[in-house]
Amino acid sequence: MVYSLNNLLVSVYVTMATELRARGWNVFWHASGETEVFTGGTEQGTVSLIQNIPANPTFITERTTVNLANADQIVLPAFAIDVQPPKRLRRLGLGHVEWEREATIRLGGIVTSSAEQRALASDLYDWLLIGDDDYYMAISDYDSNPSTPPALAPAEVWWANIVTPEVSTGVDAIRYQINAELILRYVE
């Protein structure tokens, strides 16, 4: 399967990082400890892209060093992305072996303030929901070549929704959240 969960997941992370940098955010890759720096005008801050929220996280609201003591430390604001297994929708037609498929992508974000929540939600909205034209996301085959993956046919962002709950958990560091869900459609 060319549109594997890994190919979809990594492609969404890379696209999100590109879109965040285009809108003035630095991107901190939690797994590698590397930061991609915004080189334009006014910098908005740094967003961490993490694999998932650990069971017992320690939230760090200001990043002073790239070296984190352990994997449970999460520098905020942070986003994790989850890809649900794709579903077959329908064959392209009689005699076709290809199927139209859809995959649900969930973005979960934790931010430090209502102002940061508004700024990042606005940027996600601009990326995913603005415009009358159809939006297609680039998908690459990281399974075949992780360093220089070949491009696959892009997937259509068929539906997207962004919500910004304020949760009264007693822990200020995770009070403000951004959750988004999008459906990618593609043929395979």
C-alpha atoms as a PDB file:
ATOM      1  CA  MET A   1       0.000   0.000   0.000  1.00  0.00           C
ATOM      2  CA  VAL A   2       1.644   3.221  -1.172  1.00  0.00           C
ATOM      3  CA  TYR A   3      -0.639   5.499   0.879  1.00  0.00           C
ATOM      4  CA  SER A   4       0.406   3.785   4.115  1.00  0.00           C
ATOM      5  CA  LEU A   5      -0.347   5.222   7.538  1.00  0.00           C
ATOM      6  CA  ASN A   6       3.318   6.218   7.811  1.00  0.00           C
ATOM      7  CA  ASN A   7       3.333   8.007   4.430  1.00  0.00           C
ATOM      8  CA  LEU A   8       0.144   9.887   5.313  1.00  0.00           C
ATOM      9  CA  LEU A   9       1.360  10.763   8.825  1.00  0.00           C
ATOM     10  CA  VAL A  10       4.802  12.025   7.819  1.00  0.00           C
ATOM     11  CA  SER A  11       3.367  13.950   4.851  1.00  0.00           C
ATOM     12  CA  VAL A  12       0.843  15.733   7.095  1.00  0.00           C
ATOM     13  CA  TYR A  13       3.587  16.590   9.629  1.00  0.00           C
ATOM     14  CA  VAL A  14       5.851  17.967   6.880  1.00  0.00           C
ATOM     15  CA  THR A  15       3.008  19.950   5.304  1.00  0.00           C
ATOM     16  CA  MET A  16       1.963  21.357   8.684  1.00  0.00           C
ATOM     17  CA  ALA A  17       5.551  22.388   9.452  1.00  0.00           C
ATOM     18  CA  THR A  18       5.827  24.117   6.074  1.00  0.00           C
ATOM     19  CA  GLU A  19       2.520  25.939   6.606  1.00  0.00           C
ATOM     20  CA  LEU A  20       3.469  27.030  10.138  1.00  0.00           C
ATOM     21  CA  ARG A  21       6.840  28.379   8.952  1.00  0.00           C
ATOM     22  CA  ALA A  22       5.088  30.242   6.112  1.00  0.00           C
ATOM     23  CA  ARG A  23       2.932  31.948   8.757  1.00  0.00           C
ATOM     24  CA  GLY A  24       5.798  33.055  11.003  1.00  0.00           C
ATOM     25  CA  TRP A  25       6.302  30.129  13.390  1.00  0.00           C
ATOM     26  CA  ASN A  26       9.519  28.254  14.112  1.00  0.00           C
ATOM     27  CA  VAL A  27       9.010  24.479  14.193  1.00  0.00           C
ATOM     28  CA  PHE A  28      10.648  22.345  16.893  1.00  0.00           C
ATOM     29  CA  TRP A  29      10.758  18.640  15.990  1.00  0.00           C
ATOM     30  CA  HIS A  30      10.480  16.989  19.396  1.00  0.00           C
ATOM     31  CA  ALA A  31      11.759  13.573  18.285  1.00  0.00           C
ATOM     32  CA  SER A  32      15.021  14.874  16.813  1.00  0.00           C
ATOM     33  CA  GLY A  33      15.506  18.043  18.873  1.00  0.00           C
ATOM     34  CA  GLU A  34      15.940  20.099  15.694  1.00  0.00           C
ATOM     35  CA  THR A  35      14.360  23.475  15.036  1.00  0.00           C
ATOM     36  CA  GLU A  36      13.397  24.819  11.623  1.00  0.00           C
ATOM     37  CA  VAL A  37      13.588  28.595  11.886  1.00  0.00           C
ATOM     38  CA  PHE A  38      11.208  31.066  10.250  1.00  0.00           C
ATOM     39  CA  THR A  39      13.309  33.454   8.146  1.00  0.00           C
ATOM     40  CA  GLY A  40      10.706  36.055   7.163  1.00  0.00           C
ATOM     41  CA  GLY A  41       9.547  39.147   9.020  1.00  0.00           C
ATOM     42  CA  THR A  42       8.089  39.033  12.523  1.00  0.00           C
ATOM     43  CA  GLU A  43       8.433  35.692  14.253  1.00  0.00           C
ATOM     44  CA  GLN A  44       5.343  34.503  16.144  1.00  0.00           C
ATOM     45  CA  GLY A  45       7.041  31.882  18.311  1.00  0.00           C
ATOM     46  CA  THR A  46       7.988  28.215  18.229  1.00  0.00           C
ATOM     47  CA  VAL A  47       5.589  25.279  17.832  1.00  0.00           C
ATOM     48  CA  SER A  48       6.606  21.745  18.839  1.00  0.00           C
ATOM     49  CA  LEU A  49       5.563  18.835  16.658  1.00  0.00           C
ATOM     50  CA  ILE A  50       5.418  15.722  18.809  1.00  0.00           C
ATOM     51  CA  GLN A  51       4.638  12.092  18.105  1.00  0.00           C
ATOM     52  CA  ASN A  52       2.020  11.861  20.864  1.00  0.00           C
ATOM     53  CA  ILE A  53       1.193  13.181  24.303  1.00  0.00           C
ATOM     54  CA  PRO A  54       2.993  10.899  26.787  1.00  0.00           C
ATOM     55  CA  ALA A  55       1.151   9.269  29.684  1.00  0.00           C
ATOM     56  CA  ASN A  56       2.865  11.437  32.315  1.00  0.00           C
ATOM     57  CA  PRO A  57       3.937  14.598  30.517  1.00  0.00           C
ATOM     58  CA  THR A  58       5.868  17.507  31.959  1.00  0.00           C
ATOM     59  CA  PHE A  59       4.814  20.675  30.176  1.00  0.00           C
ATOM     60  CA  ILE A  60       7.456  23.316  29.521  1.00  0.00           C
ATOM     61  CA  THR A  61       5.996  26.673  28.589  1.00  0.00           C
ATOM     62  CA  GLU A  62       9.256  28.334  27.566  1.00  0.00           C
ATOM     63  CA  ARG A  63      11.948  26.541  25.651  1.00  0.00           C
ATOM     64  CA  THR A  64      15.342  27.602  26.906  1.00  0.00           C
ATOM     65  CA  THR A  65      17.322  24.713  25.462  1.00  0.00           C
ATOM     66  CA  VAL A  66      16.895  22.196  22.677  1.00  0.00           C
ATOM     67  CA  ASN A  67      18.133  19.380  24.923  1.00  0.00           C
ATOM     68  CA  LEU A  68      15.175  17.893  26.761  1.00  0.00           C
ATOM     69  CA  ALA A  69      15.909  15.646  29.714  1.00  0.00           C
ATOM     70  CA  ASN A  70      13.449  12.957  28.631  1.00  0.00           C
ATOM     71  CA  ALA A  71      10.704  12.122  26.154  1.00  0.00           C
ATOM     72  CA  ASP A  72       7.968  13.032  28.659  1.00  0.00           C
ATOM     73  CA  GLN A  73       8.887  16.721  28.497  1.00  0.00           C
ATOM     74  CA  ILE A  74       6.698  18.627  26.050  1.00  0.00           C
ATOM     75  CA  VAL A  75       7.552  22.167  25.013  1.00  0.00           C
ATOM     76  CA  LEU A  76       4.378  24.203  24.466  1.00  0.00           C
ATOM     77  CA  PRO A  77       2.698  25.035  22.201  1.00  0.00           C
ATOM     78  CA  ALA A  78       2.698  21.504  20.822  1.00  0.00           C
ATOM     79  CA  PHE A  79       0.773  19.491  18.240  1.00  0.00           C
ATOM     80  CA  ALA A  80       0.452  15.754  17.776  1.00  0.00           C
ATOM     81  CA  ILE A  81      -1.077  14.185  14.671  1.00  0.00           C
ATOM     82  CA  ASP A  82      -2.941  10.902  14.487  1.00  0.00           C
ATOM     83  CA  VAL A  83      -3.997   9.088  11.302  1.00  0.00           C
ATOM     84  CA  GLN A  84      -6.912   6.661  11.414  1.00  0.00           C
ATOM     85  CA  PRO A  85      -6.673   3.621   9.116  1.00  0.00           C
ATOM     86  CA  PRO A  86      -8.008   4.523   5.649  1.00  0.00           C
ATOM     87  CA  LYS A  87     -11.409   3.256   4.531  1.00  0.00           C
ATOM     88  CA  ARG A  88     -12.421   2.109   1.070  1.00  0.00           C
ATOM     89  CA  LEU A  89     -15.252   4.251  -0.260  1.00  0.00           C
ATOM     90  CA  ARG A  90     -15.924   2.932  -3.756  1.00  0.00           C
ATOM     91  CA  ARG A  91     -14.237   1.501  -6.835  1.00  0.00           C
ATOM     92  CA  LEU A  92     -13.499   3.985  -9.561  1.00  0.00           C
ATOM     93  CA  GLY A  93     -15.739   2.058 -11.918  1.00  0.00           C
ATOM     94  CA  LEU A  94     -16.526  -1.334 -13.378  1.00  0.00           C
ATOM     95  CA  GLY A  95     -13.353  -3.282 -14.047  1.00  0.00           C
ATOM     96  CA  HIS A  96     -11.139  -0.854 -12.097  1.00  0.00           C
ATOM     97  CA  VAL A  97      -8.823  -2.172  -9.425  1.00  0.00           C
ATOM     98  CA  GLU A  98      -8.330   1.245  -7.831  1.00  0.00           C
ATOM     99  CA  TRP A  99     -10.468   2.446  -4.951  1.00  0.00           C
ATOM    100  CA  GLU A 100     -11.321   5.909  -3.738  1.00  0.00           C
ATOM    101  CA  ARG A 101     -10.234   5.895  -0.091  1.00  0.00           C
ATOM    102  CA  GLU A 102     -10.412   8.324   2.767  1.00  0.00           C
ATOM    103  CA  ALA A 103      -8.299   8.739   5.864  1.00  0.00           C
ATOM    104  CA  THR A 104      -9.236  10.758   8.920  1.00  0.00           C
ATOM    105  CA  ILE A 105      -6.446  12.915  10.332  1.00  0.00           C
ATOM    106  CA  ARG A 106      -6.663  14.361  13.846  1.00  0.00           C
ATOM    107  CA  LEU A 107      -4.495  17.234  15.048  1.00  0.00           C
ATOM    108  CA  GLY A 108      -4.369  17.789  18.795  1.00  0.00           C
ATOM    109  CA  GLY A 109      -2.731  20.913  20.118  1.00  0.00           C
ATOM    110  CA  ILE A 110      -1.968  22.313  23.548  1.00  0.00           C
ATOM    111  CA  VAL A 111      -1.141  26.010  23.784  1.00  0.00           C
ATOM    112  CA  THR A 112      -0.182  28.307  26.652  1.00  0.00           C
ATOM    113  CA  SER A 113      -2.685  31.164  26.374  1.00  0.00           C
ATOM    114  CA  SER A 114      -5.912  32.262  24.750  1.00  0.00           C
ATOM    115  CA  ALA A 115      -3.931  34.663  22.509  1.00  0.00           C
ATOM    116  CA  GLU A 116      -1.710  31.813  21.288  1.00  0.00           C
ATOM    117  CA  GLN A 117      -4.812  29.652  20.818  1.00  0.00           C
ATOM    118  CA  ARG A 118      -6.445  32.321  18.633  1.00  0.00           C
ATOM    119  CA  ALA A 119      -3.270  32.897  16.590  1.00  0.00           C
ATOM    120  CA  LEU A 120      -2.621  29.209  15.887  1.00  0.00           C
ATOM    121  CA  ALA A 121      -6.301  28.407  15.263  1.00  0.00           C
ATOM    122  CA  SER A 122      -6.418  31.287  12.777  1.00  0.00           C
ATOM    123  CA  ASP A 123      -3.324  29.982  11.004  1.00  0.00           C
ATOM    124  CA  LEU A 124      -4.772  26.444  10.840  1.00  0.00           C
ATOM    125  CA  TYR A 125      -8.024  27.892   9.523  1.00  0.00           C
ATOM    126  CA  ASP A 126      -6.143  29.841   6.829  1.00  0.00           C
ATOM    127  CA  TRP A 127      -4.249  26.686   5.864  1.00  0.00           C
ATOM    128  CA  LEU A 128      -7.151  24.216   5.775  1.00  0.00           C
ATOM    129  CA  LEU A 129     -10.389  26.094   5.259  1.00  0.00           C
ATOM    130  CA  ILE A 130      -9.832  29.306   3.323  1.00  0.00           C
ATOM    131  CA  GLY A 131     -10.652  29.554  -0.340  1.00  0.00           C
ATOM    132  CA  ASP A 132     -13.291  28.362  -2.734  1.00  0.00           C
ATOM    133  CA  ASP A 133     -10.919  26.067  -4.616  1.00  0.00           C
ATOM    134  CA  ASP A 134     -10.312  22.477  -3.664  1.00  0.00           C
ATOM    135  CA  TYR A 135      -7.228  22.003  -1.517  1.00  0.00           C
ATOM    136  CA  TYR A 136      -4.892  19.100  -2.186  1.00  0.00           C
ATOM    137  CA  MET A 137      -2.164  18.037   0.246  1.00  0.00           C
ATOM    138  CA  ALA A 138       1.146  16.714  -1.039  1.00  0.00           C
ATOM    139  CA  ILE A 139       1.755  13.075  -0.078  1.00  0.00           C
ATOM    140  CA  SER A 140       5.179  11.451  -0.423  1.00  0.00           C
ATOM    141  CA  ASP A 141       6.356   7.842  -0.252  1.00  0.00           C
ATOM    142  CA  TYR A 142       8.577   7.920   2.847  1.00  0.00           C
ATOM    143  CA  ASP A 143       8.401   4.126   3.123  1.00  0.00           C
ATOM    144  CA  SER A 144      10.386   3.651  -0.092  1.00  0.00           C
ATOM    145  CA  ASN A 145      12.951   6.421   0.473  1.00  0.00           C
ATOM    146  CA  PRO A 146      12.871   8.385   3.766  1.00  0.00           C
ATOM    147  CA  SER A 147      15.598  10.873   2.793  1.00  0.00           C
ATOM    148  CA  THR A 148      14.269  11.892  -0.647  1.00  0.00           C
ATOM    149  CA  PRO A 149      10.767  10.443  -0.907  1.00  0.00           C
ATOM    150  CA  PRO A 150       9.107  10.361  -4.314  1.00  0.00           C
ATOM    151  CA  ALA A 151       5.887  12.337  -4.609  1.00  0.00           C
ATOM    152  CA  LEU A 152       2.588  10.501  -4.870  1.00  0.00           C
ATOM    153  CA  ALA A 153      -0.615  11.932  -6.296  1.00  0.00           C
ATOM    154  CA  PRO A 154      -1.838  14.562  -3.825  1.00  0.00           C
ATOM    155  CA  ALA A 155      -4.785  13.841  -1.543  1.00  0.00           C
ATOM    156  CA  GLU A 156      -7.812  16.114  -1.507  1.00  0.00           C
ATOM    157  CA  VAL A 157      -8.648  17.701   1.837  1.00  0.00           C
ATOM    158  CA  TRP A 158     -12.287  16.820   1.571  1.00  0.00           C
ATOM    159  CA  TRP A 159     -13.487  18.112   4.936  1.00  0.00           C
ATOM    160  CA  ALA A 160     -11.899  19.951   7.869  1.00  0.00           C
ATOM    161  CA  ASN A 161     -13.075  21.205  11.234  1.00  0.00           C
ATOM    162  CA  ILE A 162     -11.210  23.191  13.890  1.00  0.00           C
ATOM    163  CA  VAL A 163     -12.358  23.604  17.497  1.00  0.00           C
ATOM    164  CA  THR A 164     -10.703  25.568  20.293  1.00  0.00           C
ATOM    165  CA  PRO A 165     -11.886  24.342  23.680  1.00  0.00           C
ATOM    166  CA  GLU A 166     -10.806  25.946  26.920  1.00  0.00           C
ATOM    167  CA  VAL A 167     -10.581  23.169  29.473  1.00  0.00           C
ATOM    168  CA  SER A 168     -10.663  23.855  33.199  1.00  0.00           C
ATOM    169  CA  THR A 169      -8.367  21.068  34.328  1.00  0.00           C
ATOM    170  CA  GLY A 170      -6.645  22.868  37.155  1.00  0.00           C
ATOM    171  CA  VAL A 171      -3.406  22.716  35.173  1.00  0.00           C
ATOM    172  CA  ASP A 172      -2.882  26.061  33.451  1.00  0.00           C
ATOM    173  CA  ALA A 173      -0.345  24.600  31.020  1.00  0.00           C
ATOM    174  CA  ILE A 174      -3.008  22.501  29.271  1.00  0.00           C
ATOM    175  CA  ARG A 175      -6.009  24.787  29.660  1.00  0.00           C
ATOM    176  CA  TYR A 176      -6.076  25.985  26.060  1.00  0.00           C
ATOM    177  CA  GLN A 177      -6.352  23.427  23.292  1.00  0.00           C
ATOM    178  CA  ILE A 178      -6.782  23.295  19.530  1.00  0.00           C
ATOM    179  CA  ASN A 179      -8.295  20.224  17.950  1.00  0.00           C
ATOM    180  CA  ALA A 180      -8.718  19.748  14.240  1.00  0.00           C
ATOM    181  CA  GLU A 181      -9.971  16.909  12.139  1.00  0.00           C
ATOM    182  CA  LEU A 182      -9.658  16.570   8.406  1.00  0.00           C
ATOM    183  CA  ILE A 183     -10.528  13.928   5.879  1.00  0.00           C
ATOM    184  CA  LEU A 184      -8.124  13.189   3.047  1.00  0.00           C
ATOM    185  CA  ARG A 185      -9.459  11.489  -0.079  1.00  0.00           C
ATOM    186  CA  TYR A 186      -7.238   9.787  -2.612  1.00  0.00           C
ATOM    187  CA  VAL A 187      -7.252   6.980  -5.170  1.00  0.00           C
ATOM    188  CA  GLU A 188      -5.232   3.804  -4.695  1.00  0.00           C
END
